[in-house]
């Protein structure tokens, strides 16, 4: 397959890449529109390790999980409600979040992780993304109706 360069002004050309960043997303070369979440996962784990490094032996699990929920989880979920995510993408995000619980609770058992998430009120990223996507879709539907009271209350 011959790749022909796209020339810009002044003789410069656009390089062909397999991945590009656009508005915080990494769009991947594929037959269908796809995004890569490896960069957001890396940022998420970097922030989580920063929290663990500073507070792991000083703070309780509740404090650590609340900090991760408020400061680190948005790095993982940024803008995902706008993407058309596959089930594999949602499972990958859930796996990333489940790995967070293995260190403070010193376990590798998924059953223990699920119990900890239940008792600490942690919601999986797949559920959060679907909730945000539903809320976004409802807002766009309400934009057509000027008398909608639900959008004013959000």
C-alpha atoms as a PDB file:
ATOM      1  CA  UNK A   1       0.000   0.000   0.000  1.00  0.00           C
ATOM      2  CA  UNK A   2       1.431   3.331  -1.073  1.00  0.00           C
ATOM      3  CA  UNK A   3       1.139   6.155   1.439  1.00  0.00           C
ATOM      4  CA  UNK A   4       0.999   9.544  -0.233  1.00  0.00           C
ATOM      5  CA  UNK A   5       1.907  12.521   1.992  1.00  0.00           C
ATOM      6  CA  UNK A   6      -0.521  15.398   2.444  1.00  0.00           C
ATOM      7  CA  UNK A   7       1.254  18.685   1.792  1.00  0.00           C
ATOM      8  CA  UNK A   8       0.531  21.903   3.644  1.00  0.00           C
ATOM      9  CA  UNK A   9       1.626  25.413   2.792  1.00  0.00           C
ATOM     10  CA  UNK A  10       5.357  26.146   2.506  1.00  0.00           C
ATOM     11  CA  UNK A  11       6.187  22.587   1.424  1.00  0.00           C
ATOM     12  CA  UNK A  12       5.547  20.984   4.810  1.00  0.00           C
ATOM     13  CA  UNK A  13       3.518  17.813   4.988  1.00  0.00           C
ATOM     14  CA  UNK A  14       1.317  16.136   7.558  1.00  0.00           C
ATOM     15  CA  UNK A  15       2.843  12.915   8.869  1.00  0.00           C
ATOM     16  CA  UNK A  16       0.802   9.697   8.881  1.00  0.00           C
ATOM     17  CA  UNK A  17       0.396   8.456  12.445  1.00  0.00           C
ATOM     18  CA  UNK A  18      -1.405   5.535  14.041  1.00  0.00           C
ATOM     19  CA  UNK A  19      -2.631   7.616  16.985  1.00  0.00           C
ATOM     20  CA  UNK A  20      -3.346  11.306  17.529  1.00  0.00           C
ATOM     21  CA  UNK A  21      -4.473  13.472  20.398  1.00  0.00           C
ATOM     22  CA  UNK A  22      -7.551  15.626  19.932  1.00  0.00           C
ATOM     23  CA  UNK A  23      -9.284  17.476  22.802  1.00  0.00           C
ATOM     24  CA  UNK A  24      -7.807  15.162  25.415  1.00  0.00           C
ATOM     25  CA  UNK A  25      -8.668  11.964  23.543  1.00  0.00           C
ATOM     26  CA  UNK A  26      -6.303   9.721  21.675  1.00  0.00           C
ATOM     27  CA  UNK A  27      -7.948   8.687  18.422  1.00  0.00           C
ATOM     28  CA  UNK A  28      -6.599   5.414  17.035  1.00  0.00           C
ATOM     29  CA  UNK A  29      -6.254   4.402  13.402  1.00  0.00           C
ATOM     30  CA  UNK A  30      -8.985   1.812  12.760  1.00  0.00           C
ATOM     31  CA  UNK A  31     -11.798   0.953  10.381  1.00  0.00           C
ATOM     32  CA  UNK A  32     -14.340   2.378  12.820  1.00  0.00           C
ATOM     33  CA  UNK A  33     -13.961   5.341  15.171  1.00  0.00           C
ATOM     34  CA  UNK A  34     -11.927   4.173  18.174  1.00  0.00           C
ATOM     35  CA  UNK A  35     -10.183   5.859  21.060  1.00  0.00           C
ATOM     36  CA  UNK A  36      -7.229   4.697  23.101  1.00  0.00           C
ATOM     37  CA  UNK A  37      -7.452   4.870  26.890  1.00  0.00           C
ATOM     38  CA  UNK A  38      -3.890   3.827  27.673  1.00  0.00           C
ATOM     39  CA  UNK A  39      -2.792   7.427  28.245  1.00  0.00           C
ATOM     40  CA  UNK A  40      -5.695   8.166  30.601  1.00  0.00           C
ATOM     41  CA  UNK A  41      -5.024   4.916  32.484  1.00  0.00           C
ATOM     42  CA  UNK A  42      -1.373   5.871  32.819  1.00  0.00           C
ATOM     43  CA  UNK A  43      -2.337   9.310  34.185  1.00  0.00           C
ATOM     44  CA  UNK A  44      -4.836   7.702  36.550  1.00  0.00           C
ATOM     45  CA  UNK A  45      -2.307   5.244  37.957  1.00  0.00           C
ATOM     46  CA  UNK A  46       0.324   7.988  38.234  1.00  0.00           C
ATOM     47  CA  UNK A  47      -2.053  10.098  40.314  1.00  0.00           C
ATOM     48  CA  UNK A  48      -3.125   7.094  42.411  1.00  0.00           C
ATOM     49  CA  UNK A  49       0.505   6.187  43.084  1.00  0.00           C
ATOM     50  CA  UNK A  50       1.133   9.790  44.098  1.00  0.00           C
ATOM     51  CA  UNK A  51      -1.708   9.601  46.633  1.00  0.00           C
ATOM     52  CA  UNK A  52      -0.489   6.212  47.877  1.00  0.00           C
ATOM     53  CA  UNK A  53       3.091   7.453  48.116  1.00  0.00           C
ATOM     54  CA  UNK A  54       2.143  10.378  50.319  1.00  0.00           C
ATOM     55  CA  UNK A  55      -0.640   8.893  52.442  1.00  0.00           C
ATOM     56  CA  UNK A  56      -0.458   5.091  52.353  1.00  0.00           C
ATOM     57  CA  UNK A  57       0.801   4.593  55.925  1.00  0.00           C
ATOM     58  CA  UNK A  58      -0.636   7.850  57.315  1.00  0.00           C
ATOM     59  CA  UNK A  59      -4.306   7.866  56.340  1.00  0.00           C
ATOM     60  CA  UNK A  60      -7.128   5.363  56.535  1.00  0.00           C
ATOM     61  CA  UNK A  61      -8.525   3.543  53.521  1.00  0.00           C
ATOM     62  CA  UNK A  62     -11.603   5.789  53.578  1.00  0.00           C
ATOM     63  CA  UNK A  63      -9.518   8.942  53.191  1.00  0.00           C
ATOM     64  CA  UNK A  64      -7.379   7.424  50.450  1.00  0.00           C
ATOM     65  CA  UNK A  65     -10.404   6.186  48.490  1.00  0.00           C
ATOM     66  CA  UNK A  66     -12.170   9.543  48.757  1.00  0.00           C
ATOM     67  CA  UNK A  67      -9.072  11.340  47.495  1.00  0.00           C
ATOM     68  CA  UNK A  68      -8.767   8.905  44.613  1.00  0.00           C
ATOM     69  CA  UNK A  69     -12.469   9.283  43.829  1.00  0.00           C
ATOM     70  CA  UNK A  70     -12.361  13.079  43.791  1.00  0.00           C
ATOM     71  CA  UNK A  71      -8.903  13.731  42.309  1.00  0.00           C
ATOM     72  CA  UNK A  72      -7.836  10.689  40.263  1.00  0.00           C
ATOM     73  CA  UNK A  73     -11.033   9.171  38.866  1.00  0.00           C
ATOM     74  CA  UNK A  74     -11.823  12.244  36.706  1.00  0.00           C
ATOM     75  CA  UNK A  75      -8.524  11.622  34.883  1.00  0.00           C
ATOM     76  CA  UNK A  76      -9.785   8.186  33.897  1.00  0.00           C
ATOM     77  CA  UNK A  77     -13.327   9.256  32.973  1.00  0.00           C
ATOM     78  CA  UNK A  78     -12.651  12.554  31.205  1.00  0.00           C
ATOM     79  CA  UNK A  79     -15.087  12.993  28.331  1.00  0.00           C
ATOM     80  CA  UNK A  80     -15.992   9.319  27.984  1.00  0.00           C
ATOM     81  CA  UNK A  81     -19.722  10.022  27.948  1.00  0.00           C
ATOM     82  CA  UNK A  82     -19.286  11.421  24.434  1.00  0.00           C
ATOM     83  CA  UNK A  83     -17.572   8.301  23.079  1.00  0.00           C
ATOM     84  CA  UNK A  84     -19.319   5.248  21.771  1.00  0.00           C
ATOM     85  CA  UNK A  85     -17.608   2.709  24.021  1.00  0.00           C
ATOM     86  CA  UNK A  86     -17.534  -1.011  23.359  1.00  0.00           C
ATOM     87  CA  UNK A  87     -18.100  -3.543  26.133  1.00  0.00           C
ATOM     88  CA  UNK A  88     -14.386  -4.378  26.023  1.00  0.00           C
ATOM     89  CA  UNK A  89     -13.554  -0.719  26.705  1.00  0.00           C
ATOM     90  CA  UNK A  90     -15.931  -0.596  29.670  1.00  0.00           C
ATOM     91  CA  UNK A  91     -14.505  -3.847  31.063  1.00  0.00           C
ATOM     92  CA  UNK A  92     -10.994  -2.462  30.675  1.00  0.00           C
ATOM     93  CA  UNK A  93     -11.935   0.642  32.666  1.00  0.00           C
ATOM     94  CA  UNK A  94     -13.530  -1.524  35.359  1.00  0.00           C
ATOM     95  CA  UNK A  95     -10.419  -3.711  35.542  1.00  0.00           C
ATOM     96  CA  UNK A  96      -8.272  -0.601  35.967  1.00  0.00           C
ATOM     97  CA  UNK A  97     -10.496   0.610  38.799  1.00  0.00           C
ATOM     98  CA  UNK A  98     -10.605  -2.824  40.449  1.00  0.00           C
ATOM     99  CA  UNK A  99      -6.796  -2.906  40.511  1.00  0.00           C
ATOM    100  CA  UNK A 100      -6.894   0.244  42.627  1.00  0.00           C
ATOM    101  CA  UNK A 101      -8.481  -1.697  45.493  1.00  0.00           C
ATOM    102  CA  UNK A 102      -5.862  -4.444  45.622  1.00  0.00           C
ATOM    103  CA  UNK A 103      -3.145  -2.351  47.269  1.00  0.00           C
ATOM    104  CA  UNK A 104      -4.846  -0.673  50.255  1.00  0.00           C
ATOM    105  CA  UNK A 105      -6.754  -3.842  51.151  1.00  0.00           C
ATOM    106  CA  UNK A 106      -3.776  -6.128  50.460  1.00  0.00           C
ATOM    107  CA  UNK A 107      -5.709  -8.645  48.383  1.00  0.00           C
ATOM    108  CA  UNK A 108      -5.826 -10.036  44.883  1.00  0.00           C
ATOM    109  CA  UNK A 109      -9.230 -11.688  45.254  1.00  0.00           C
ATOM    110  CA  UNK A 110     -11.888 -10.097  43.065  1.00  0.00           C
ATOM    111  CA  UNK A 111     -14.571 -11.132  45.570  1.00  0.00           C
ATOM    112  CA  UNK A 112     -12.848  -9.171  48.344  1.00  0.00           C
ATOM    113  CA  UNK A 113     -12.438  -6.209  45.976  1.00  0.00           C
ATOM    114  CA  UNK A 114     -16.157  -6.307  45.095  1.00  0.00           C
ATOM    115  CA  UNK A 115     -17.087  -6.449  48.778  1.00  0.00           C
ATOM    116  CA  UNK A 116     -14.820  -3.489  49.552  1.00  0.00           C
ATOM    117  CA  UNK A 117     -16.353  -1.518  46.700  1.00  0.00           C
ATOM    118  CA  UNK A 118     -19.832  -2.314  47.978  1.00  0.00           C
ATOM    119  CA  UNK A 119     -19.121  -1.349  51.591  1.00  0.00           C
ATOM    120  CA  UNK A 120     -17.249   1.832  50.645  1.00  0.00           C
ATOM    121  CA  UNK A 121     -19.899   2.895  48.125  1.00  0.00           C
ATOM    122  CA  UNK A 122     -17.533   2.811  45.155  1.00  0.00           C
ATOM    123  CA  UNK A 123     -19.231   2.769  41.763  1.00  0.00           C
ATOM    124  CA  UNK A 124     -17.546   1.136  38.772  1.00  0.00           C
ATOM    125  CA  UNK A 125     -16.431   3.424  35.939  1.00  0.00           C
ATOM    126  CA  UNK A 126     -18.655   1.609  33.442  1.00  0.00           C
ATOM    127  CA  UNK A 127     -21.720   2.529  35.500  1.00  0.00           C
ATOM    128  CA  UNK A 128     -20.540   6.124  35.952  1.00  0.00           C
ATOM    129  CA  UNK A 129     -19.887   6.548  32.224  1.00  0.00           C
ATOM    130  CA  UNK A 130     -23.301   5.154  31.280  1.00  0.00           C
ATOM    131  CA  UNK A 131     -25.018   7.433  33.819  1.00  0.00           C
ATOM    132  CA  UNK A 132     -23.172  10.474  32.473  1.00  0.00           C
ATOM    133  CA  UNK A 133     -24.010   9.479  28.885  1.00  0.00           C
ATOM    134  CA  UNK A 134     -27.706   9.146  29.749  1.00  0.00           C
ATOM    135  CA  UNK A 135     -27.662  12.522  31.486  1.00  0.00           C
ATOM    136  CA  UNK A 136     -25.954  14.119  28.472  1.00  0.00           C
ATOM    137  CA  UNK A 137     -28.471  12.568  26.053  1.00  0.00           C
ATOM    138  CA  UNK A 138     -31.353  13.794  28.193  1.00  0.00           C
ATOM    139  CA  UNK A 139     -29.933  17.319  28.206  1.00  0.00           C
ATOM    140  CA  UNK A 140     -29.734  17.353  24.414  1.00  0.00           C
ATOM    141  CA  UNK A 141     -33.282  16.081  24.140  1.00  0.00           C
ATOM    142  CA  UNK A 142     -34.463  18.796  26.526  1.00  0.00           C
ATOM    143  CA  UNK A 143     -32.747  21.528  24.504  1.00  0.00           C
ATOM    144  CA  UNK A 144     -35.472  21.156  21.898  1.00  0.00           C
ATOM    145  CA  UNK A 145     -38.145  21.737  24.535  1.00  0.00           C
ATOM    146  CA  UNK A 146     -37.948  25.250  26.012  1.00  0.00           C
ATOM    147  CA  UNK A 147     -40.409  24.372  28.787  1.00  0.00           C
ATOM    148  CA  UNK A 148     -38.456  21.432  30.196  1.00  0.00           C
ATOM    149  CA  UNK A 149     -38.009  21.883  33.957  1.00  0.00           C
ATOM    150  CA  UNK A 150     -35.600  18.966  34.376  1.00  0.00           C
ATOM    151  CA  UNK A 151     -32.720  20.719  32.593  1.00  0.00           C
ATOM    152  CA  UNK A 152     -33.092  23.803  34.750  1.00  0.00           C
ATOM    153  CA  UNK A 153     -32.758  21.695  37.895  1.00  0.00           C
ATOM    154  CA  UNK A 154     -29.483  20.006  36.796  1.00  0.00           C
END
